[in-house]
Amino acid sequence: MPKLAKPATDTSCQALKAGKTLAAGNGLHLEASMSGRKSWFVRYRKHDDGKRAKVLIGYYPDVTLAEAGVMADEIHLAARTGGQIIGVRTAVRMRRETKTANELRIEREKAQAEANSFTTISEAWLKYKAQSWSADTARRAEDAVRQYLQPAIGQLDMRSVRSKDVSSALLEINAKVPSTARKCRQYIYGIVDYCIMRGIRDDDSLLSLKGIFPRNKEERNHPAITKAAGIGQLWLAISNHSGSHTVRSALQFVAWTTLRPGVIVTATWDEIDTEAALWCIPGERMKMRSDHVVSLPKQALAMLETLRAYQESEYVFPAVARQGRPHIHRDSLSKALREDLGYRDRHVTHGWRASFRTLARERLGVDIDVLEKQLAHASGDRTAQAYDRAQFIEQRRIVMQTWADWLDEQAAIAAGGNVTPIREAV
């Protein structure tokens, strides 16, 4: 007597290996593809000619063994009586065909709203602007749009968005990071212009966000300390900052180099020449799109040596946590000054440029042309810029070392130490 096959069970269905088939009786069987997907099929005889055929009725475990058995009975009944054989593909087609005109309209409108959403349009705008922006400018815009704007207003339809729809989001950003809020407003204006240019919005459908932020008497200038006593206290506070070592080091590097925070946080090790004590920044990362060289004082070199000893990142200041980027965000520096050190509305990271330009000129007697070159400011019109190739490398080397020493001197004075003043003319 032939040995009967064991009946299929849930256990045997679960254990079915790729490339194998499990018979479940009544023409029902389970096939496991090489990718591991398990599909229920039913073999049956056609009503009209009696030929054998099979139909896909579902997938395991979405369709259980018991449910598949019931569906197999229904397939055989339909085959015997000349009814319609309804498998997975036929069911999908029937559902599609039975959709009402209203359902199709809703689906079409939903697809159009997604295609015209702030998130979709802002990504297209960022890609468009990146063609003319420096890498650093593009990176700052991407960070602001993706971190602040898209989570808040990403679902808004740019065909119909109004000023009131974005104002709450901007005010919330302003409460946390005012400088970023103003940039976000600027980016929204740019995205709206982009929509008008491409016919997504009418020519006269601009937004009015000019007076959205509370007025600040010092709004036009970055808060900056420009008095020697205040600088000493600030430098002492930064040096004693007990937070992230990476953030503290970046804050010090801003002061030692007087460059913009966005350039600082994106510094890479291959740009640093410790032997020559120079930081060579490619033009694509500079606001004026020109290569820039910065002399590094001995204090900066010592700090860099310490950082290099315990990290492997290509960035000098890697992200201190899972921030979704390879380097720290410039807002981390602003937050440290504003919240950790208590310098809200008194001094911002960008303010070191004003501090240096004022104090190095007044206290150290640095030539104005040397200062401007160190700050990477463009001088004169385009013709003058084309002929003015002076870099003042050696003068700047002396200036930046004197500046770093002077900062240490002011911090020592603030701490109550006895200090012999350095020569105040360079």
Protein backbone atom coordinates (compact mmCIF):
# COMPACT_ATOMS: atom_id res chain seq x y z
CA MET A 1 0.00 0.00 0.00
CA PRO A 2 1.55 3.35 -1.05
CA LYS A 3 2.66 5.70 1.74
CA LEU A 4 0.28 8.66 2.06
CA ALA A 5 1.70 12.19 2.08
CA LYS A 6 1.50 14.00 5.38
CA PRO A 7 -1.25 16.62 5.45
CA ALA A 8 -0.09 20.25 5.31
CA THR A 9 0.00 22.14 8.60
CA ASP A 10 0.82 25.70 9.64
CA THR A 11 4.16 24.39 10.89
CA SER A 12 5.02 22.80 7.52
CA CYS A 13 3.94 26.02 5.74
CA GLN A 14 6.24 28.05 7.94
CA ALA A 15 9.13 25.63 7.44
CA LEU A 16 8.81 25.48 3.62
CA LYS A 17 12.20 26.32 2.11
CA ALA A 18 12.91 28.47 -0.97
CA GLY A 19 12.40 26.62 -4.28
CA LYS A 20 10.17 23.96 -2.71
CA THR A 21 6.44 23.14 -3.05
CA LEU A 22 4.01 21.91 -0.37
CA ALA A 23 0.82 20.06 -1.41
CA ALA A 24 -2.24 20.82 0.72
CA GLY A 25 -4.87 18.66 -1.04
CA ASN A 26 -7.78 19.48 -3.37
CA GLY A 27 -5.38 20.97 -5.96
CA LEU A 28 -4.12 23.52 -3.40
CA HIS A 29 -0.37 23.88 -2.98
CA LEU A 30 2.12 26.39 -1.57
CA GLU A 31 5.14 27.43 -3.67
CA ALA A 32 8.21 29.16 -2.15
CA SER A 33 10.19 31.23 -4.64
CA MET A 34 13.98 31.61 -4.46
CA SER A 35 13.46 35.01 -2.85
CA GLY A 36 11.47 33.32 -0.06
CA ARG A 37 8.01 34.55 -1.02
CA LYS A 38 5.33 31.90 -0.49
CA SER A 39 2.35 31.83 -2.88
CA TRP A 40 -0.89 29.80 -2.76
CA PHE A 41 -1.96 28.20 -6.06
CA VAL A 42 -5.00 26.05 -6.95
CA ARG A 43 -4.99 23.53 -9.80
CA TYR A 44 -8.42 23.00 -11.41
CA ARG A 45 -10.06 21.84 -14.66
CA LYS A 46 -11.64 24.37 -16.95
CA HIS A 47 -15.40 24.12 -17.42
CA ASP A 48 -15.39 24.56 -21.21
CA ASP A 49 -12.65 22.13 -22.36
CA GLY A 50 -11.62 20.23 -19.23
CA LYS A 51 -7.99 21.27 -19.55
CA ARG A 52 -5.93 21.71 -16.37
CA ALA A 53 -5.06 25.21 -15.20
CA LYS A 54 -3.86 26.91 -12.04
CA VAL A 55 -4.54 30.24 -10.42
CA LEU A 56 -2.73 32.35 -7.78
CA ILE A 57 -5.09 33.01 -4.85
CA GLY A 58 -2.86 34.71 -2.27
CA TYR A 59 0.34 34.78 -0.27
CA TYR A 60 1.31 33.05 2.94
CA PRO A 61 1.07 34.01 5.81
CA ASP A 62 -1.35 36.83 4.80
CA VAL A 63 -3.65 34.03 3.64
CA THR A 64 -3.61 31.19 6.19
CA LEU A 65 -3.79 27.47 5.38
CA ALA A 66 -7.43 27.32 6.49
CA GLU A 67 -8.39 30.39 4.43
CA ALA A 68 -6.60 28.99 1.39
CA GLY A 69 -8.57 25.73 1.74
CA VAL A 70 -11.89 27.62 1.66
CA MET A 71 -10.76 29.65 -1.37
CA ALA A 72 -9.72 26.42 -3.16
CA ASP A 73 -13.24 25.00 -2.66
CA GLU A 74 -14.67 28.20 -4.19
CA ILE A 75 -12.34 27.92 -7.21
CA HIS A 76 -13.42 24.30 -7.90
CA LEU A 77 -17.11 25.21 -7.53
CA ALA A 78 -16.74 28.09 -10.00
CA ALA A 79 -14.85 25.82 -12.42
CA ARG A 80 -17.58 23.12 -12.31
CA THR A 81 -20.44 25.58 -12.77
CA GLY A 82 -18.82 27.84 -15.36
CA GLY A 83 -18.42 30.72 -12.93
CA GLN A 84 -15.62 33.30 -13.01
CA ILE A 85 -12.30 32.15 -11.61
CA ILE A 86 -11.14 34.95 -9.32
CA GLY A 87 -7.47 34.88 -8.41
CA VAL A 88 -5.24 37.65 -7.06
CA ARG A 89 -4.68 39.38 -10.40
CA THR A 90 -8.37 39.23 -11.36
CA ALA A 91 -9.35 40.63 -7.95
CA VAL A 92 -6.95 43.55 -8.31
CA ARG A 93 -8.27 44.32 -11.78
CA MET A 94 -11.87 44.15 -10.59
CA ARG A 95 -11.15 46.53 -7.70
CA ARG A 96 -9.50 48.94 -10.10
CA GLU A 97 -12.43 48.78 -12.50
CA THR A 98 -15.00 49.35 -9.75
CA LYS A 99 -13.42 52.56 -8.51
CA THR A 100 -15.81 55.45 -8.78
CA ALA A 101 -15.06 58.62 -10.69
CA ASN A 102 -14.89 60.44 -7.36
CA GLU A 103 -12.24 58.04 -6.01
CA LEU A 104 -10.17 58.50 -9.14
CA ARG A 105 -10.50 62.28 -8.83
CA ILE A 106 -9.37 62.16 -5.18
CA GLU A 107 -6.37 60.00 -6.08
CA ARG A 108 -5.42 62.36 -8.93
CA GLU A 109 -5.70 65.42 -6.68
CA LYS A 110 -3.64 63.72 -3.99
CA ALA A 111 -0.89 62.92 -6.49
CA GLN A 112 -0.89 66.52 -7.77
CA ALA A 113 -0.77 67.91 -4.23
CA GLU A 114 2.23 65.72 -3.44
CA ALA A 115 3.98 66.81 -6.64
CA ASN A 116 3.41 70.45 -5.68
CA SER A 117 4.08 70.09 -1.94
CA PHE A 118 6.62 72.32 -0.24
CA THR A 119 8.91 69.33 0.34
CA THR A 120 8.92 68.29 -3.33
CA ILE A 121 9.25 71.85 -4.68
CA SER A 122 11.88 72.90 -2.13
CA GLU A 123 14.08 69.92 -3.08
CA ALA A 124 13.82 70.92 -6.75
CA TRP A 125 14.68 74.54 -5.80
CA LEU A 126 17.73 73.45 -3.79
CA LYS A 127 18.98 71.41 -6.74
CA TYR A 128 18.41 74.37 -9.08
CA LYS A 129 20.19 76.89 -6.82
CA ALA A 130 23.13 74.57 -6.16
CA GLN A 131 24.25 75.22 -9.74
CA SER A 132 25.12 78.83 -8.88
CA TRP A 133 25.81 78.65 -5.12
CA SER A 134 29.08 77.79 -3.42
CA ALA A 135 29.15 74.38 -1.74
CA ASP A 136 29.00 76.01 1.70
CA THR A 137 26.01 78.21 0.78
CA ALA A 138 24.18 75.20 -0.66
CA ARG A 139 24.91 73.15 2.45
CA ARG A 140 23.59 75.86 4.77
CA ALA A 141 20.39 76.18 2.73
CA GLU A 142 19.87 72.41 2.67
CA ASP A 143 20.31 72.20 6.43
CA ALA A 144 17.81 75.00 7.11
CA VAL A 145 15.18 73.81 4.61
CA ARG A 146 15.38 70.13 5.57
CA GLN A 147 15.83 70.54 9.31
CA TYR A 148 13.42 73.39 10.00
CA LEU A 149 11.03 74.07 7.11
CA GLN A 150 10.17 70.68 5.61
CA PRO A 151 9.13 69.08 8.94
CA ALA A 152 6.88 72.07 9.70
CA ILE A 153 5.33 73.00 6.33
CA GLY A 154 6.42 70.19 4.01
CA GLN A 155 2.85 69.07 3.29
CA LEU A 156 1.61 72.51 2.16
CA ASP A 157 0.53 72.81 -1.48
CA MET A 158 2.68 75.51 -3.12
CA ARG A 159 -0.06 76.28 -5.65
CA SER A 160 -2.23 77.78 -2.94
CA VAL A 161 -0.04 78.41 0.12
CA ARG A 162 -0.59 81.81 1.80
CA SER A 163 1.44 83.95 4.17
CA LYS A 164 -0.54 82.83 7.23
CA ASP A 165 0.22 79.19 6.42
CA VAL A 166 3.97 79.61 6.99
CA SER A 167 4.05 82.37 9.60
CA SER A 168 3.58 80.10 12.65
CA ALA A 169 6.46 77.88 11.58
CA LEU A 170 8.75 80.89 11.08
CA LEU A 171 7.87 82.32 14.49
CA GLU A 172 8.63 78.98 16.16
CA ILE A 173 12.03 78.87 14.44
CA ASN A 174 12.66 82.48 15.42
CA ALA A 175 12.06 81.64 19.10
CA LYS A 176 14.89 79.09 18.96
CA VAL A 177 17.36 80.37 16.35
CA PRO A 178 16.55 83.93 15.15
CA SER A 179 19.30 84.09 12.52
CA THR A 180 18.13 80.80 10.97
CA ALA A 181 14.52 82.03 10.97
CA ARG A 182 15.50 85.01 8.84
CA LYS A 183 17.33 82.75 6.44
CA CYS A 184 14.30 80.46 6.28
CA ARG A 185 12.09 83.42 5.36
CA GLN A 186 14.56 84.27 2.59
CA TYR A 187 14.46 80.68 1.34
CA ILE A 188 10.64 80.65 1.31
CA TYR A 189 10.64 83.80 -0.81
CA GLY A 190 13.06 82.11 -3.22
CA ILE A 191 10.93 78.97 -3.43
CA VAL A 192 7.79 81.02 -4.13
CA ASP A 193 9.64 82.90 -6.92
CA TYR A 194 10.72 79.53 -8.31
CA CYS A 195 7.05 78.39 -8.35
CA ILE A 196 5.95 81.56 -10.16
CA MET A 197 8.74 81.16 -12.71
CA ARG A 198 7.51 77.66 -13.53
CA GLY A 199 3.81 78.47 -13.64
CA ILE A 200 2.98 76.66 -10.40
CA ARG A 201 1.70 79.95 -8.92
CA ASP A 202 0.22 83.05 -10.55
CA ASP A 203 2.56 86.01 -11.16
CA ASP A 204 0.93 88.13 -8.45
CA SER A 205 0.70 85.42 -5.77
CA LEU A 206 3.64 86.55 -3.62
CA LEU A 207 3.88 86.11 0.14
CA SER A 208 4.06 88.98 2.62
CA LEU A 209 6.36 88.08 5.52
CA LYS A 210 8.32 91.30 5.92
CA GLY A 211 7.13 92.30 9.38
CA ILE A 212 6.66 88.86 10.85
CA PHE A 213 9.55 88.95 13.34
CA PRO A 214 9.66 91.20 16.44
CA ARG A 215 11.89 94.21 15.91
CA ASN A 216 15.34 94.16 17.46
CA LYS A 217 17.38 97.34 17.81
CA GLU A 218 20.55 95.41 16.96
CA GLU A 219 18.94 93.31 14.27
CA ARG A 220 21.06 94.70 11.45
CA ASN A 221 24.35 93.72 13.07
CA HIS A 222 25.56 90.49 14.61
CA PRO A 223 25.91 90.96 18.38
CA ALA A 224 29.63 91.19 19.10
CA ILE A 225 31.83 92.19 22.02
CA THR A 226 34.32 94.85 20.98
CA LYS A 227 35.76 95.85 24.37
CA ALA A 228 38.96 94.32 25.73
CA ALA A 229 37.48 93.55 29.17
CA GLY A 230 34.46 91.85 27.65
CA ILE A 231 36.61 89.80 25.29
CA GLY A 232 38.70 88.57 28.20
CA GLN A 233 35.62 87.34 30.04
CA LEU A 234 34.28 85.70 26.88
CA TRP A 235 37.56 83.96 26.05
CA LEU A 236 37.83 82.72 29.62
CA ALA A 237 34.27 81.36 29.49
CA ILE A 238 34.92 79.54 26.20
CA SER A 239 38.20 78.08 27.44
CA ASN A 240 36.44 76.74 30.55
CA HIS A 241 33.36 75.49 28.71
CA SER A 242 32.55 72.08 30.18
CA GLY A 243 30.38 70.88 27.31
CA SER A 244 31.46 69.01 24.20
CA HIS A 245 35.20 69.14 23.61
CA THR A 246 34.53 69.34 19.85
CA VAL A 247 32.18 72.32 20.25
CA ARG A 248 34.61 74.12 22.56
CA SER A 249 37.46 73.53 20.10
CA ALA A 250 35.36 74.83 17.20
CA LEU A 251 34.46 77.97 19.17
CA GLN A 252 38.16 78.58 19.81
CA PHE A 253 38.99 77.93 16.15
CA VAL A 254 36.46 80.59 15.11
CA ALA A 255 38.23 83.15 17.29
CA TRP A 256 41.74 82.12 16.18
CA THR A 257 40.88 82.27 12.46
CA THR A 258 38.00 84.84 12.43
CA LEU A 259 36.24 83.01 9.60
CA ARG A 260 32.52 82.46 9.19
CA PRO A 261 31.01 79.65 11.32
CA GLY A 262 29.79 77.76 8.24
CA VAL A 263 33.35 77.52 6.94
CA ILE A 264 34.69 76.49 10.34
CA VAL A 265 32.34 73.53 10.90
CA THR A 266 33.03 72.14 7.41
CA ALA A 267 36.84 72.27 7.74
CA THR A 268 38.52 69.05 6.61
CA TRP A 269 41.89 67.64 7.59
CA ASP A 270 43.19 67.66 4.02
CA GLU A 271 42.89 71.47 4.05
CA ILE A 272 45.15 71.78 7.12
CA ASP A 273 48.93 71.99 6.67
CA THR A 274 50.28 71.75 10.22
CA GLU A 275 53.92 71.92 9.12
CA ALA A 276 53.39 75.22 7.34
CA ALA A 277 50.81 76.29 9.99
CA LEU A 278 48.32 77.13 7.25
CA TRP A 279 44.68 76.36 6.52
CA CYS A 280 44.05 76.41 2.76
CA ILE A 281 40.33 76.71 1.99
CA PRO A 282 39.08 76.08 -1.57
CA GLY A 283 37.07 78.87 -3.16
CA GLU A 284 33.95 76.75 -3.50
CA ARG A 285 33.52 76.93 0.29
CA MET A 286 34.11 80.67 0.57
CA LYS A 287 31.45 83.35 0.24
CA MET A 288 33.49 85.27 -2.36
CA ARG A 289 34.29 82.01 -4.26
CA SER A 290 38.07 82.61 -4.01
CA ASP A 291 40.67 80.34 -2.42
CA HIS A 292 41.66 81.60 1.02
CA VAL A 293 44.71 80.93 3.19
CA VAL A 294 44.70 81.40 6.97
CA SER A 295 47.78 81.40 9.18
CA LEU A 296 47.30 79.22 12.26
CA PRO A 297 48.74 80.36 15.61
CA LYS A 298 50.53 77.87 17.84
CA GLN A 299 47.46 77.62 20.10
CA ALA A 300 45.35 76.42 17.15
CA LEU A 301 48.02 73.92 16.10
CA ALA A 302 48.13 72.45 19.62
CA MET A 303 44.35 72.10 19.65
CA LEU A 304 44.36 70.42 16.21
CA GLU A 305 47.01 67.97 17.35
CA THR A 306 44.81 66.97 20.28
CA LEU A 307 41.73 66.53 18.06
CA ARG A 308 43.65 64.49 15.49
CA ALA A 309 44.83 62.10 18.16
CA TYR A 310 41.39 60.71 19.04
CA GLN A 311 39.28 60.91 15.85
CA GLU A 312 39.25 59.38 12.38
CA SER A 313 36.72 61.61 10.60
CA GLU A 314 37.69 63.56 7.47
CA TYR A 315 36.19 66.60 9.21
CA VAL A 316 38.12 68.51 11.85
CA PHE A 317 34.92 68.95 13.89
CA PRO A 318 32.79 65.81 13.40
CA ALA A 319 29.20 65.59 14.61
CA VAL A 320 29.06 65.04 18.37
CA ALA A 321 25.94 62.84 18.13
CA ARG A 322 23.64 61.31 15.53
CA GLN A 323 22.77 64.59 13.84
CA GLY A 324 22.30 63.27 10.30
CA ARG A 325 25.47 65.01 9.06
CA PRO A 326 29.20 64.20 9.20
CA HIS A 327 30.24 67.41 10.96
CA ILE A 328 28.84 69.58 13.75
CA HIS A 329 26.21 72.15 12.82
CA ARG A 330 27.05 75.82 13.16
CA ASP A 331 23.92 76.16 15.30
CA SER A 332 25.70 73.99 17.88
CA LEU A 333 28.23 76.81 18.28
CA SER A 334 25.51 79.46 18.51
CA LYS A 335 23.64 77.39 21.10
CA ALA A 336 26.78 76.97 23.23
CA LEU A 337 27.33 80.74 23.31
CA ARG A 338 23.67 81.59 23.73
CA GLU A 339 22.53 79.00 26.26
CA ASP A 340 25.53 77.27 27.83
CA LEU A 341 27.70 80.36 28.29
CA GLY A 342 24.94 82.95 28.71
CA TYR A 343 25.89 85.30 25.85
CA ARG A 344 22.43 85.59 24.27
CA ASP A 345 22.11 88.95 22.45
CA ARG A 346 25.66 89.86 23.53
CA HIS A 347 27.90 87.84 21.25
CA VAL A 348 27.29 85.33 18.45
CA THR A 349 29.74 83.06 16.66
CA HIS A 350 29.82 85.33 13.62
CA GLY A 351 30.51 88.25 15.99
CA TRP A 352 34.19 87.24 16.28
CA ARG A 353 34.75 88.86 12.91
CA ALA A 354 33.58 92.24 14.23
CA SER A 355 35.56 91.73 17.45
CA PHE A 356 38.74 91.01 15.52
CA ARG A 357 38.30 93.85 13.04
CA THR A 358 37.67 96.36 15.85
CA LEU A 359 40.12 95.24 18.50
CA ALA A 360 42.98 94.20 16.22
CA ARG A 361 42.75 97.63 14.62
CA GLU A 362 42.32 99.68 17.80
CA ARG A 363 44.42 97.67 20.28
CA LEU A 364 47.02 96.01 18.10
CA GLY A 365 47.33 98.59 15.35
CA VAL A 366 46.91 96.12 12.50
CA ASP A 367 46.85 97.61 9.01
CA ILE A 368 43.33 97.74 7.59
CA ASP A 369 44.33 96.00 4.33
CA VAL A 370 45.78 93.09 6.30
CA LEU A 371 42.60 92.87 8.36
CA GLU A 372 40.37 92.84 5.29
CA LYS A 373 42.47 90.14 3.65
CA GLN A 374 42.33 87.99 6.80
CA LEU A 375 38.53 88.36 6.89
CA ALA A 376 38.34 87.41 3.18
CA HIS A 377 36.52 90.63 2.32
CA ALA A 378 36.50 91.78 -1.29
CA SER A 379 38.02 95.24 -1.72
CA GLY A 380 37.04 97.76 -4.40
CA ASP A 381 35.22 97.03 -7.62
CA ARG A 382 35.78 94.01 -9.88
CA THR A 383 38.63 95.70 -11.71
CA ALA A 384 40.44 96.50 -8.47
CA GLN A 385 39.90 92.96 -7.25
CA ALA A 386 41.36 91.54 -10.45
CA TYR A 387 44.61 93.46 -10.03
CA ASP A 388 44.90 93.26 -6.23
CA ARG A 389 46.57 89.88 -5.65
CA ALA A 390 48.35 90.78 -2.39
CA GLN A 391 47.81 88.14 0.31
CA PHE A 392 49.98 89.60 3.12
CA ILE A 393 50.81 86.05 4.19
CA GLU A 394 53.79 86.92 6.40
CA GLN A 395 52.10 89.96 7.96
CA ARG A 396 49.01 87.89 8.67
CA ARG A 397 51.12 85.15 10.24
CA ILE A 398 52.41 87.67 12.79
CA VAL A 399 48.98 89.24 13.25
CA MET A 400 47.16 85.97 13.97
CA GLN A 401 49.78 84.83 16.48
CA THR A 402 49.66 88.22 18.20
CA TRP A 403 45.85 88.09 18.22
CA ALA A 404 45.82 84.60 19.81
CA ASP A 405 48.36 85.68 22.44
CA TRP A 406 46.34 88.82 23.16
CA LEU A 407 43.19 86.76 23.71
CA ASP A 408 45.05 84.61 26.25
CA GLU A 409 46.35 87.77 27.93
CA GLN A 410 42.84 89.24 28.25
CA ALA A 411 41.51 85.97 29.67
CA ALA A 412 44.31 85.93 32.25
CA ILE A 413 43.48 89.50 33.24
CA ALA A 414 39.79 88.57 33.52
CA ALA A 415 40.78 85.66 35.77
CA GLY A 416 42.70 88.05 38.04
CA GLY A 417 46.23 87.13 36.98
CA ASN A 418 49.24 89.42 36.67
CA VAL A 419 50.11 89.73 32.99
CA THR A 420 52.78 91.67 31.13
CA PRO A 421 50.99 93.28 28.18
CA ILE A 422 52.19 92.27 24.72
CA ARG A 423 53.24 94.89 22.20
CA GLU A 424 50.06 96.56 20.93
CA ALA A 425 51.21 97.39 17.42
CA VAL A 426 51.66 94.98 14.56
